[in-house]
Amino acid sequence: MASYNRVVMVGNLTRDPEYKQLASGQAICKLGIASNRQFKNRQTGSDVQEVCYIDIDVWGPQAESCRQYLAKGRAVLIEGRLKLDTWDDQATGQKRSKHSIVADRVVFLASGAQDSASDAAEPDAPSSQLDANIERELMGQIADIKKRAKPAGAVKVKETKPASASETGELDFKDEPPFQDDLPF
């Protein structure tokens, strides 16, 4: 029997990340998110808002990034697998269970009010410098694409030179054509 266990969820953090380093050296960050669903009740015609709370486990280097950059209220996209935790309740002796997500990927989403407020307060903050570097890199990529797509008799327009890899601190990867071989597949 085939099975597929994949979850994609977008929501806001309900608390600050809880970061732990295990004795083995493995990092784990526990997050809690709330995801809203809004719909119209067909019987009453009123709008209903339903909230789903779920715990997330993030492992490895991504756990360290979550600890560093996330805080309560921040919007995130989580991609991972669903996991069922079971345990015996010591107070009542009953068996308990809860679903959680083990994250393979965490995407930090921008929440408009938070980001615009931080940019207004600190215009020279590292995030705005990062945005400038990204914009410079994208403009360079656009210029490269325009050069390759330029027709033979087109007028040359002065283009801005993108920052070199040494200036941005990033690796410089060259786009190369695919490998050609004589294999039939």
Protein backbone atom coordinates (compact mmCIF):
# COMPACT_ATOMS: atom_id res chain seq x y z
CA MET A 1 0.00 0.00 0.00
CA ALA A 2 1.39 3.39 -1.00
CA SER A 3 1.44 6.29 1.43
CA TYR A 4 2.38 9.93 1.28
CA ASN A 5 2.94 12.14 4.33
CA ARG A 6 3.45 15.79 3.37
CA VAL A 7 2.17 18.96 5.05
CA VAL A 8 2.40 22.58 3.93
CA MET A 9 1.11 25.15 6.39
CA VAL A 10 1.25 28.94 6.69
CA GLY A 11 0.62 30.68 9.97
CA ASN A 12 1.93 33.00 12.68
CA LEU A 13 4.13 31.97 15.59
CA THR A 14 2.19 31.74 18.86
CA ARG A 15 5.32 31.97 21.01
CA ASP A 16 9.04 32.63 20.76
CA PRO A 17 11.06 29.64 19.49
CA GLU A 18 12.30 27.16 22.13
CA TYR A 19 15.84 26.14 21.16
CA LYS A 20 17.70 23.13 22.61
CA GLN A 21 20.96 21.44 21.83
CA LEU A 22 20.84 17.70 22.57
CA ALA A 23 23.72 15.77 24.15
CA SER A 24 24.49 14.36 20.69
CA GLY A 25 25.11 17.93 19.44
CA GLN A 26 21.94 17.96 17.32
CA ALA A 27 19.99 21.25 17.46
CA ILE A 28 16.20 21.30 17.80
CA CYS A 29 13.88 24.29 17.77
CA LYS A 30 10.25 23.93 18.84
CA LEU A 31 7.74 26.35 17.33
CA GLY A 32 4.02 26.80 17.75
CA ILE A 33 1.93 28.26 14.93
CA ALA A 34 -1.68 29.30 14.49
CA SER A 35 -3.34 29.10 11.10
CA ASN A 36 -6.72 30.75 10.49
CA ARG A 37 -9.56 29.59 8.28
CA GLN A 38 -12.47 31.90 7.58
CA PHE A 39 -15.73 30.72 6.05
CA LYS A 40 -19.42 31.56 5.93
CA ASN A 41 -21.84 29.41 7.91
CA ARG A 42 -24.48 28.29 5.39
CA GLN A 43 -27.21 27.95 7.99
CA THR A 44 -26.82 31.29 9.76
CA GLY A 45 -25.02 33.27 7.03
CA SER A 46 -22.49 34.61 9.53
CA ASP A 47 -18.73 34.64 9.06
CA VAL A 48 -16.90 32.04 11.16
CA GLN A 49 -13.21 32.09 11.95
CA GLU A 50 -11.57 28.80 12.89
CA VAL A 51 -8.03 28.65 14.31
CA CYS A 52 -5.76 25.61 14.12
CA TYR A 53 -2.85 25.47 16.57
CA ILE A 54 0.00 23.08 15.87
CA ASP A 55 3.49 22.42 17.23
CA ILE A 56 6.49 22.25 14.89
CA ASP A 57 9.90 20.57 15.40
CA VAL A 58 12.80 21.95 13.35
CA TRP A 59 16.12 20.08 13.38
CA GLY A 60 19.73 20.85 12.49
CA PRO A 61 21.09 24.09 11.04
CA GLN A 62 17.60 25.31 10.20
CA ALA A 63 16.76 25.15 13.93
CA GLU A 64 19.59 27.60 14.61
CA SER A 65 18.26 29.97 11.91
CA CYS A 66 14.78 29.81 13.44
CA ARG A 67 16.18 30.66 16.87
CA GLN A 68 18.08 33.62 15.46
CA TYR A 69 15.46 35.18 13.17
CA LEU A 70 12.00 34.19 14.43
CA ALA A 71 9.87 35.69 17.20
CA LYS A 72 6.28 35.52 18.37
CA GLY A 73 3.84 36.86 15.75
CA ARG A 74 6.15 36.27 12.76
CA ALA A 75 4.55 34.66 9.68
CA VAL A 76 6.13 31.42 8.45
CA LEU A 77 5.54 28.74 5.85
CA ILE A 78 6.24 25.24 7.14
CA GLU A 79 6.78 22.24 4.89
CA GLY A 80 7.29 18.83 6.43
CA ARG A 81 5.67 15.61 7.61
CA LEU A 82 2.93 14.92 10.12
CA LYS A 83 3.93 12.99 13.26
CA LEU A 84 1.78 11.47 16.02
CA ASP A 85 3.23 11.67 19.55
CA THR A 86 1.75 9.35 22.20
CA TRP A 87 2.42 9.20 25.95
CA ASP A 88 0.86 8.13 29.24
CA ASP A 89 -0.52 10.99 31.33
CA GLN A 90 1.07 10.66 34.78
CA ALA A 91 -1.78 12.49 36.54
CA THR A 92 -4.66 10.42 35.14
CA GLY A 93 -2.87 7.31 33.84
CA GLN A 94 -4.64 7.70 30.47
CA LYS A 95 -2.97 7.37 27.10
CA ARG A 96 -2.62 10.77 25.38
CA SER A 97 -1.69 11.74 21.82
CA LYS A 98 -1.10 14.81 19.71
CA HIS A 99 -0.19 15.55 16.10
CA SER A 100 2.79 17.76 15.29
CA ILE A 101 4.85 18.60 12.22
CA VAL A 102 8.51 17.73 11.70
CA ALA A 103 9.69 20.53 9.41
CA ASP A 104 11.86 19.86 6.38
CA ARG A 105 11.73 23.50 5.33
CA VAL A 106 10.84 26.75 7.09
CA VAL A 107 10.31 29.90 5.02
CA PHE A 108 10.33 33.21 6.91
CA LEU A 109 7.51 35.31 5.49
CA ALA A 110 7.31 39.08 5.69
CA SER A 111 4.51 40.49 7.76
CA GLY A 112 3.83 43.95 6.32
CA ALA A 113 3.40 45.99 9.52
CA GLN A 114 6.40 44.44 11.26
CA ASP A 115 8.83 44.90 8.36
CA SER A 116 7.78 48.43 7.42
CA ALA A 117 8.03 49.55 11.05
CA SER A 118 11.53 48.10 11.46
CA ASP A 119 12.70 49.64 8.16
CA ALA A 120 11.38 53.06 9.19
CA ALA A 121 13.05 52.86 12.59
CA GLU A 122 16.44 51.66 11.31
CA PRO A 123 17.05 52.54 7.65
CA ASP A 124 20.69 51.37 7.85
CA ALA A 125 19.84 48.05 9.48
CA PRO A 126 21.46 44.88 8.11
CA SER A 127 18.12 43.75 6.62
CA SER A 128 17.95 46.84 4.38
CA GLN A 129 21.57 46.26 3.37
CA LEU A 130 20.68 42.68 2.53
CA ASP A 131 17.73 43.92 0.45
CA ALA A 132 20.06 46.29 -1.42
CA ASN A 133 22.49 43.44 -2.14
CA ILE A 134 19.67 41.23 -3.40
CA GLU A 135 18.32 44.02 -5.56
CA ARG A 136 21.80 44.66 -7.00
CA GLU A 137 22.22 40.96 -7.77
CA LEU A 138 18.79 40.75 -9.43
CA MET A 139 19.50 43.84 -11.55
CA GLY A 140 22.74 42.19 -12.67
CA GLN A 141 20.91 39.02 -13.64
CA ILE A 142 18.33 41.05 -15.59
CA ALA A 143 21.13 42.88 -17.40
CA ASP A 144 22.76 39.54 -18.34
CA ILE A 145 19.46 38.23 -19.71
CA LYS A 146 18.94 41.42 -21.74
CA LYS A 147 22.44 41.09 -23.21
CA ARG A 148 21.76 37.53 -24.37
CA ALA A 149 18.31 38.41 -25.79
CA LYS A 150 19.42 41.63 -27.59
CA PRO A 151 18.70 41.63 -31.38
CA ALA A 152 21.63 42.32 -33.76
CA GLY A 153 20.78 45.96 -34.67
CA ALA A 154 19.63 47.12 -31.24
CA VAL A 155 20.92 50.30 -29.62
CA LYS A 156 23.28 49.67 -26.71
CA VAL A 157 22.08 51.05 -23.38
CA LYS A 158 24.47 51.76 -20.52
CA GLU A 159 24.03 49.04 -17.89
CA THR A 160 24.94 49.01 -14.24
CA LYS A 161 27.59 46.54 -13.23
CA PRO A 162 26.50 44.07 -10.53
CA ALA A 163 28.59 43.76 -7.41
CA SER A 164 31.27 41.11 -7.58
CA ALA A 165 31.09 38.00 -5.42
CA SER A 166 33.93 39.28 -3.23
CA GLU A 167 31.97 42.49 -2.46
CA THR A 168 28.75 40.68 -1.49
CA GLY A 169 30.41 37.77 0.30
CA GLU A 170 28.50 35.28 -1.86
CA LEU A 171 29.79 32.44 -4.00
CA ASP A 172 30.07 33.21 -7.70
CA PHE A 173 28.47 30.41 -9.76
CA LYS A 174 28.80 30.52 -13.54
CA ASP A 175 25.84 29.49 -15.66
CA GLU A 176 27.14 26.85 -18.06
CA PRO A 177 25.39 24.98 -20.88
CA PRO A 178 24.30 21.41 -20.10
CA PHE A 179 26.83 18.60 -20.46
CA GLN A 180 26.77 17.02 -23.93
CA ASP A 181 27.46 13.33 -24.36
CA ASP A 182 26.74 10.53 -26.83
CA LEU A 183 24.54 8.42 -24.56
CA PRO A 184 21.12 7.57 -26.07
CA PHE A 185 19.13 8.54 -22.95
